[in-house]
Amino acid sequence: KGEDDIKIIAMNANTPTHHKINEIEDLPHLMVEEIKHFFRMYKELQGAKVDVNKTLSRKEAEKAILQAIKMYKEKKE
C-alpha cells in the first residue's frame, strides 16, 4: 500500500555454521536473492505487489526492533 514493511532476518547465534554471519553482506548472494524472492511471492499470493529494493544493516535492524517494541508498549498502555 505504498508503505515500508520492514522484515527482520534472524539466525540462532548458537548454530555453529552461522557463527561468522553478522551482517546481510555475510550471507551468500544467492541466499539474499532467495529471501527477497520469498517476500515478493508471499505478498503476491495475498494480492499485493511488493518491491524489495534495499536491505538494511544489522544496526538499522536493531533500531527497527527497538522502535517496534516502543510502539507496542505505547499501544498496550
C-alpha atoms as a PDB file:
ATOM      1  CA  LYS A   1       0.000   0.000   0.000  1.00  0.00           C
ATOM      2  CA  GLY A   2       2.947   2.271  -0.610  1.00  0.00           C
ATOM      3  CA  GLU A   3       4.282   1.873   2.923  1.00  0.00           C
ATOM      4  CA  ASP A   4       7.531   0.420   4.211  1.00  0.00           C
ATOM      5  CA  ASP A   5       7.189  -3.040   5.695  1.00  0.00           C
ATOM      6  CA  ILE A   6      10.483  -3.926   7.327  1.00  0.00           C
ATOM      7  CA  LYS A   7      11.289  -7.613   7.697  1.00  0.00           C
ATOM      8  CA  ILE A   8      13.916  -8.842  10.133  1.00  0.00           C
ATOM      9  CA  ILE A   9      16.086 -11.822   9.228  1.00  0.00           C
ATOM     10  CA  ALA A  10      17.414 -13.546  12.321  1.00  0.00           C
ATOM     11  CA  MET A  11      19.589 -16.579  12.910  1.00  0.00           C
ATOM     12  CA  ASN A  12      20.259 -18.637  16.013  1.00  0.00           C
ATOM     13  CA  ALA A  13      23.554 -17.332  17.367  1.00  0.00           C
ATOM     14  CA  ASN A  14      24.437 -20.775  18.710  1.00  0.00           C
ATOM     15  CA  THR A  15      24.311 -22.525  15.339  1.00  0.00           C
ATOM     16  CA  PRO A  16      27.936 -23.423  14.519  1.00  0.00           C
ATOM     17  CA  THR A  17      27.528 -22.884  10.779  1.00  0.00           C
ATOM     18  CA  HIS A  18      26.301 -19.329  11.352  1.00  0.00           C
ATOM     19  CA  HIS A  19      28.994 -18.070  13.739  1.00  0.00           C
ATOM     20  CA  LYS A  20      30.547 -15.740  11.141  1.00  0.00           C
ATOM     21  CA  ILE A  21      27.303 -14.130   9.976  1.00  0.00           C
ATOM     22  CA  ASN A  22      26.762 -10.694  11.488  1.00  0.00           C
ATOM     23  CA  GLU A  23      25.528  -8.631   8.545  1.00  0.00           C
ATOM     24  CA  ILE A  24      23.383  -9.325   5.494  1.00  0.00           C
ATOM     25  CA  GLU A  25      26.540  -8.996   3.407  1.00  0.00           C
ATOM     26  CA  ASP A  26      27.914 -12.080   5.192  1.00  0.00           C
ATOM     27  CA  LEU A  27      25.225 -14.253   3.600  1.00  0.00           C
ATOM     28  CA  PRO A  28      25.770 -15.784   0.169  1.00  0.00           C
ATOM     29  CA  HIS A  29      24.364 -13.517  -2.559  1.00  0.00           C
ATOM     30  CA  LEU A  30      22.048 -16.262  -3.819  1.00  0.00           C
ATOM     31  CA  MET A  31      20.546 -16.704  -0.343  1.00  0.00           C
ATOM     32  CA  VAL A  32      19.779 -12.984  -0.132  1.00  0.00           C
ATOM     33  CA  GLU A  33      18.098 -13.142  -3.551  1.00  0.00           C
ATOM     34  CA  GLU A  34      16.048 -16.168  -2.432  1.00  0.00           C
ATOM     35  CA  ILE A  35      14.896 -14.289   0.673  1.00  0.00           C
ATOM     36  CA  LYS A  36      13.881 -11.273  -1.421  1.00  0.00           C
ATOM     37  CA  HIS A  37      12.027 -13.571  -3.819  1.00  0.00           C
ATOM     38  CA  PHE A  38      10.184 -15.191  -0.920  1.00  0.00           C
ATOM     39  CA  PHE A  39       8.912 -11.836   0.340  1.00  0.00           C
ATOM     40  CA  ARG A  40       7.826 -10.783  -3.157  1.00  0.00           C
ATOM     41  CA  MET A  41       5.938 -14.034  -3.730  1.00  0.00           C
ATOM     42  CA  TYR A  42       4.154 -14.386  -0.414  1.00  0.00           C
ATOM     43  CA  LYS A  43       2.765 -10.872  -0.718  1.00  0.00           C
ATOM     44  CA  GLU A  44       1.764 -11.547  -4.328  1.00  0.00           C
ATOM     45  CA  LEU A  45      -0.267 -14.536  -3.094  1.00  0.00           C
ATOM     46  CA  GLN A  46      -2.122 -12.065  -0.859  1.00  0.00           C
ATOM     47  CA  GLY A  47      -2.877  -9.904  -3.900  1.00  0.00           C
ATOM     48  CA  ALA A  48      -0.269  -7.247  -3.163  1.00  0.00           C
ATOM     49  CA  LYS A  49       2.641  -6.118  -5.297  1.00  0.00           C
ATOM     50  CA  VAL A  50       5.885  -5.651  -3.407  1.00  0.00           C
ATOM     51  CA  ASP A  51       9.171  -4.036  -4.314  1.00  0.00           C
ATOM     52  CA  VAL A  52      12.103  -5.339  -2.321  1.00  0.00           C
ATOM     53  CA  ASN A  53      14.571  -2.651  -3.202  1.00  0.00           C
ATOM     54  CA  LYS A  54      17.006  -2.453  -0.315  1.00  0.00           C
ATOM     55  CA  THR A  55      18.474  -4.316   2.603  1.00  0.00           C
ATOM     56  CA  LEU A  56      19.419  -2.698   5.863  1.00  0.00           C
ATOM     57  CA  SER A  57      22.364  -3.236   8.164  1.00  0.00           C
ATOM     58  CA  ARG A  58      22.250  -5.081  11.469  1.00  0.00           C
ATOM     59  CA  LYS A  59      22.397  -1.731  13.275  1.00  0.00           C
ATOM     60  CA  GLU A  60      19.369  -0.480  11.332  1.00  0.00           C
ATOM     61  CA  ALA A  61      17.530  -3.758  12.048  1.00  0.00           C
ATOM     62  CA  GLU A  62      18.228  -3.425  15.761  1.00  0.00           C
ATOM     63  CA  LYS A  63      16.926   0.158  15.635  1.00  0.00           C
ATOM     64  CA  ALA A  64      13.728  -1.050  13.889  1.00  0.00           C
ATOM     65  CA  ILE A  65      13.229  -3.735  16.549  1.00  0.00           C
ATOM     66  CA  LEU A  66      13.611  -1.212  19.375  1.00  0.00           C
ATOM     67  CA  GLN A  67      11.168   1.128  17.620  1.00  0.00           C
ATOM     68  CA  ALA A  68       8.641  -1.704  17.257  1.00  0.00           C
ATOM     69  CA  ILE A  69       8.971  -2.589  20.948  1.00  0.00           C
ATOM     70  CA  LYS A  70       8.423   1.062  21.885  1.00  0.00           C
ATOM     71  CA  MET A  71       5.342   1.304  19.651  1.00  0.00           C
ATOM     72  CA  TYR A  72       3.950  -1.937  21.112  1.00  0.00           C
ATOM     73  CA  LYS A  73       4.391  -0.711  24.677  1.00  0.00           C
ATOM     74  CA  GLU A  74       2.767   2.644  23.871  1.00  0.00           C
ATOM     75  CA  LYS A  75      -0.196   0.932  22.205  1.00  0.00           C
ATOM     76  CA  LYS A  76      -0.552  -1.527  25.090  1.00  0.00           C
ATOM     77  CA  GLU A  77      -0.830   1.268  27.687  1.00  0.00           C
END
